[in-house]
Structures are given as C-alpha cells and as structure tokens.
Amino acid sequence: MTAPRSTTAQSRPAPAEGRHVISRKKLKEAGARRGDLEGPLDAWFRICKKAAWKSLADVRQTFSTADAVGKWTVFNIKGNQYRLITEINYRFGRVYIRHVLTHSEYDHGGWKQ
C-alpha cells in the first residue's frame, strides 16, 4: 500500500486565471541592458500574469504573432525588434523565460541548443 501523494504547488494544476512567470529577473535584466525593452517586457509580463491560457491558440488570442518553435513559444516584442523565447507549461500555469534576444540574435539560432 502506498502513501497518498501530497498536493504541493508543483503537483497542482494551474489556477483558473493567471500564469506564474519564471523568472521575472531575466526580463528585468534584459530591460536594464536595453533600455527600450523595459516598457514592452513589463507590459508582456503584466498581461501574461493575468492570462488563462490553456493552449497556443489561447496565447494567440492575446498575442497574435506568438509562434511555436519546437517546445518553445516565441513572442515578438517591440514591433518585432526583439524575440522573447519561453517554455509554457499549460497544465501547471507556468511560463519559463528562456531568452530575450534581438531579431538578429534569434536568427542565428544558437538559442535552440
């Protein structure tokens, strides 16, 4: 006979609304490096925190240019000048920030590794 599983924050399904963004620190660091990014990344963060996305189709209702690239969801930031690469776990409501890149850095493709 096995003990019942605990219901920790890691094993609970996503709340009905809101995403947990991990980690905002990467967004703030990118904003500090490139001053023109601070506002757009903060706006993305605030929208994302309130979203109830269950699929890429839901994401595209909010951000129409979001695209799936392998396991990543890529957002165009600041009029397509930058790319925000994330990994979204829809079941648990988590958005993992992987990279904030210029369009040129993104095109080189090194971030996929």
C-alpha atoms as a PDB file:
ATOM      1  CA  MET A   1       0.000   0.000   0.000  1.00  0.00           C
ATOM      2  CA  THR A   2       1.418   3.398  -0.951  1.00  0.00           C
ATOM      3  CA  ALA A   3       1.044   6.689   0.858  1.00  0.00           C
ATOM      4  CA  PRO A   4      -1.167   9.308  -0.799  1.00  0.00           C
ATOM      5  CA  ARG A   5       0.662  11.923  -2.839  1.00  0.00           C
ATOM      6  CA  SER A   6       0.971  15.318  -1.272  1.00  0.00           C
ATOM      7  CA  THR A   7      -0.569  18.218  -3.124  1.00  0.00           C
ATOM      8  CA  THR A   8       2.381  20.570  -3.300  1.00  0.00           C
ATOM      9  CA  ALA A   9       2.488  23.606  -5.513  1.00  0.00           C
ATOM     10  CA  GLN A  10       4.431  21.581  -8.083  1.00  0.00           C
ATOM     11  CA  SER A  11       1.755  18.920  -8.469  1.00  0.00           C
ATOM     12  CA  ARG A  12      -1.322  21.140  -8.571  1.00  0.00           C
ATOM     13  CA  PRO A  13      -2.915  22.013 -11.889  1.00  0.00           C
ATOM     14  CA  ALA A  14      -2.933  25.643 -12.963  1.00  0.00           C
ATOM     15  CA  PRO A  15      -5.323  28.081 -11.327  1.00  0.00           C
ATOM     16  CA  ALA A  16      -8.291  29.196 -13.398  1.00  0.00           C
ATOM     17  CA  GLU A  17      -6.597  32.522 -14.121  1.00  0.00           C
ATOM     18  CA  GLY A  18      -3.054  33.778 -14.159  1.00  0.00           C
ATOM     19  CA  ARG A  19       0.300  32.366 -15.121  1.00  0.00           C
ATOM     20  CA  HIS A  20       3.357  32.080 -12.916  1.00  0.00           C
ATOM     21  CA  VAL A  21       6.264  33.648 -14.817  1.00  0.00           C
ATOM     22  CA  ILE A  22       9.681  32.174 -14.013  1.00  0.00           C
ATOM     23  CA  SER A  23      11.675  34.313 -13.763  1.00  0.00           C
ATOM     24  CA  ARG A  24      10.867  37.988 -13.990  1.00  0.00           C
ATOM     25  CA  LYS A  25      14.522  38.619 -13.166  1.00  0.00           C
ATOM     26  CA  LYS A  26      15.502  37.714 -16.756  1.00  0.00           C
ATOM     27  CA  LEU A  27      13.014  40.259 -18.079  1.00  0.00           C
ATOM     28  CA  LYS A  28      14.350  42.965 -15.758  1.00  0.00           C
ATOM     29  CA  GLU A  29      17.952  42.180 -16.702  1.00  0.00           C
ATOM     30  CA  ALA A  30      17.111  42.429 -20.407  1.00  0.00           C
ATOM     31  CA  GLY A  31      15.314  45.722 -19.770  1.00  0.00           C
ATOM     32  CA  ALA A  32      18.353  47.065 -17.924  1.00  0.00           C
ATOM     33  CA  ARG A  33      20.705  46.045 -20.776  1.00  0.00           C
ATOM     34  CA  ARG A  34      18.471  47.522 -23.446  1.00  0.00           C
ATOM     35  CA  GLY A  35      16.543  50.492 -22.124  1.00  0.00           C
ATOM     36  CA  ASP A  36      13.977  50.420 -24.929  1.00  0.00           C
ATOM     37  CA  LEU A  37      12.839  46.951 -23.787  1.00  0.00           C
ATOM     38  CA  GLU A  38      11.847  47.734 -20.211  1.00  0.00           C
ATOM     39  CA  GLY A  39       8.338  49.013 -21.007  1.00  0.00           C
ATOM     40  CA  PRO A  40       7.385  46.368 -23.588  1.00  0.00           C
ATOM     41  CA  LEU A  41       8.643  43.495 -21.384  1.00  0.00           C
ATOM     42  CA  ASP A  42       6.797  44.869 -18.367  1.00  0.00           C
ATOM     43  CA  ALA A  43       3.599  45.096 -20.424  1.00  0.00           C
ATOM     44  CA  TRP A  44       4.062  41.493 -21.633  1.00  0.00           C
ATOM     45  CA  PHE A  45       4.663  40.339 -18.038  1.00  0.00           C
ATOM     46  CA  ARG A  46       1.505  42.030 -16.711  1.00  0.00           C
ATOM     47  CA  ILE A  47      -0.648  40.555 -19.477  1.00  0.00           C
ATOM     48  CA  CYS A  48       0.879  37.108 -19.017  1.00  0.00           C
ATOM     49  CA  LYS A  49       0.331  37.115 -15.232  1.00  0.00           C
ATOM     50  CA  LYS A  50      -3.421  37.584 -15.761  1.00  0.00           C
ATOM     51  CA  ALA A  51      -3.818  35.169 -18.686  1.00  0.00           C
ATOM     52  CA  ALA A  52      -5.701  31.870 -18.505  1.00  0.00           C
ATOM     53  CA  TRP A  53      -4.008  30.209 -21.474  1.00  0.00           C
ATOM     54  CA  LYS A  54      -4.649  26.520 -21.987  1.00  0.00           C
ATOM     55  CA  SER A  55      -3.052  26.219 -25.440  1.00  0.00           C
ATOM     56  CA  LEU A  56      -1.105  28.091 -28.102  1.00  0.00           C
ATOM     57  CA  ALA A  57      -4.432  29.039 -29.670  1.00  0.00           C
ATOM     58  CA  ASP A  58      -5.330  30.853 -26.433  1.00  0.00           C
ATOM     59  CA  VAL A  59      -1.944  32.607 -26.422  1.00  0.00           C
ATOM     60  CA  ARG A  60      -2.555  33.755 -29.996  1.00  0.00           C
ATOM     61  CA  GLN A  61      -5.841  35.349 -28.983  1.00  0.00           C
ATOM     62  CA  THR A  62      -3.757  37.638 -26.769  1.00  0.00           C
ATOM     63  CA  PHE A  63      -0.538  37.812 -28.825  1.00  0.00           C
ATOM     64  CA  SER A  64      -1.443  37.072 -32.436  1.00  0.00           C
ATOM     65  CA  THR A  65       2.182  36.785 -33.569  1.00  0.00           C
ATOM     66  CA  ALA A  66       3.195  34.194 -30.942  1.00  0.00           C
ATOM     67  CA  ASP A  67       4.673  31.155 -32.612  1.00  0.00           C
ATOM     68  CA  ALA A  68       5.618  27.619 -31.625  1.00  0.00           C
ATOM     69  CA  VAL A  69       9.207  26.678 -32.436  1.00  0.00           C
ATOM     70  CA  GLY A  70       9.751  23.152 -31.188  1.00  0.00           C
ATOM     71  CA  LYS A  71       8.952  23.133 -27.475  1.00  0.00           C
ATOM     72  CA  TRP A  72       9.310  26.912 -27.272  1.00  0.00           C
ATOM     73  CA  THR A  73       6.739  29.681 -27.618  1.00  0.00           C
ATOM     74  CA  VAL A  74       8.286  32.751 -29.226  1.00  0.00           C
ATOM     75  CA  PHE A  75       6.842  36.241 -28.789  1.00  0.00           C
ATOM     76  CA  ASN A  76       7.655  39.275 -30.928  1.00  0.00           C
ATOM     77  CA  ILE A  77       8.491  42.204 -28.658  1.00  0.00           C
ATOM     78  CA  LYS A  78       8.658  45.886 -29.547  1.00  0.00           C
ATOM     79  CA  GLY A  79       7.400  45.672 -33.094  1.00  0.00           C
ATOM     80  CA  ASN A  80       9.366  42.552 -33.982  1.00  0.00           C
ATOM     81  CA  GLN A  81      12.721  44.089 -32.956  1.00  0.00           C
ATOM     82  CA  TYR A  82      13.168  41.526 -30.190  1.00  0.00           C
ATOM     83  CA  ARG A  83      12.200  37.926 -29.508  1.00  0.00           C
ATOM     84  CA  LEU A  84      11.101  36.571 -26.143  1.00  0.00           C
ATOM     85  CA  ILE A  85      11.610  32.801 -26.032  1.00  0.00           C
ATOM     86  CA  THR A  86       9.562  30.964 -23.429  1.00  0.00           C
ATOM     87  CA  GLU A  87       8.532  27.470 -22.498  1.00  0.00           C
ATOM     88  CA  ILE A  88       4.917  27.286 -21.364  1.00  0.00           C
ATOM     89  CA  ASN A  89       3.559  24.526 -19.164  1.00  0.00           C
ATOM     90  CA  TYR A  90      -0.164  24.961 -19.703  1.00  0.00           C
ATOM     91  CA  ARG A  91      -1.187  22.288 -17.206  1.00  0.00           C
ATOM     92  CA  PHE A  92       0.584  23.930 -14.276  1.00  0.00           C
ATOM     93  CA  GLY A  93       0.223  27.516 -15.436  1.00  0.00           C
ATOM     94  CA  ARG A  94       3.924  28.273 -15.642  1.00  0.00           C
ATOM     95  CA  VAL A  95       5.791  30.346 -18.193  1.00  0.00           C
ATOM     96  CA  TYR A  96       9.553  29.851 -18.154  1.00  0.00           C
ATOM     97  CA  ILE A  97      11.590  32.716 -19.615  1.00  0.00           C
ATOM     98  CA  ARG A  98      14.468  31.240 -21.614  1.00  0.00           C
ATOM     99  CA  HIS A  99      15.899  34.080 -23.711  1.00  0.00           C
ATOM    100  CA  VAL A 100      15.348  37.709 -24.670  1.00  0.00           C
ATOM    101  CA  LEU A 101      17.120  38.282 -27.981  1.00  0.00           C
ATOM    102  CA  THR A 102      17.368  40.818 -30.753  1.00  0.00           C
ATOM    103  CA  HIS A 103      15.878  39.718 -34.051  1.00  0.00           C
ATOM    104  CA  SER A 104      19.401  39.180 -35.395  1.00  0.00           C
ATOM    105  CA  GLU A 105      20.474  37.049 -32.387  1.00  0.00           C
ATOM    106  CA  TYR A 106      17.334  34.975 -32.778  1.00  0.00           C
ATOM    107  CA  ASP A 107      18.012  34.368 -36.468  1.00  0.00           C
ATOM    108  CA  HIS A 108      21.442  32.885 -35.693  1.00  0.00           C
ATOM    109  CA  GLY A 109      19.617  30.021 -33.938  1.00  0.00           C
ATOM    110  CA  GLY A 110      22.151  29.286 -31.187  1.00  0.00           C
ATOM    111  CA  TRP A 111      19.386  29.624 -28.577  1.00  0.00           C
ATOM    112  CA  LYS A 112      17.765  26.355 -29.746  1.00  0.00           C
ATOM    113  CA  GLN A 113      20.512  24.225 -28.205  1.00  0.00           C
END
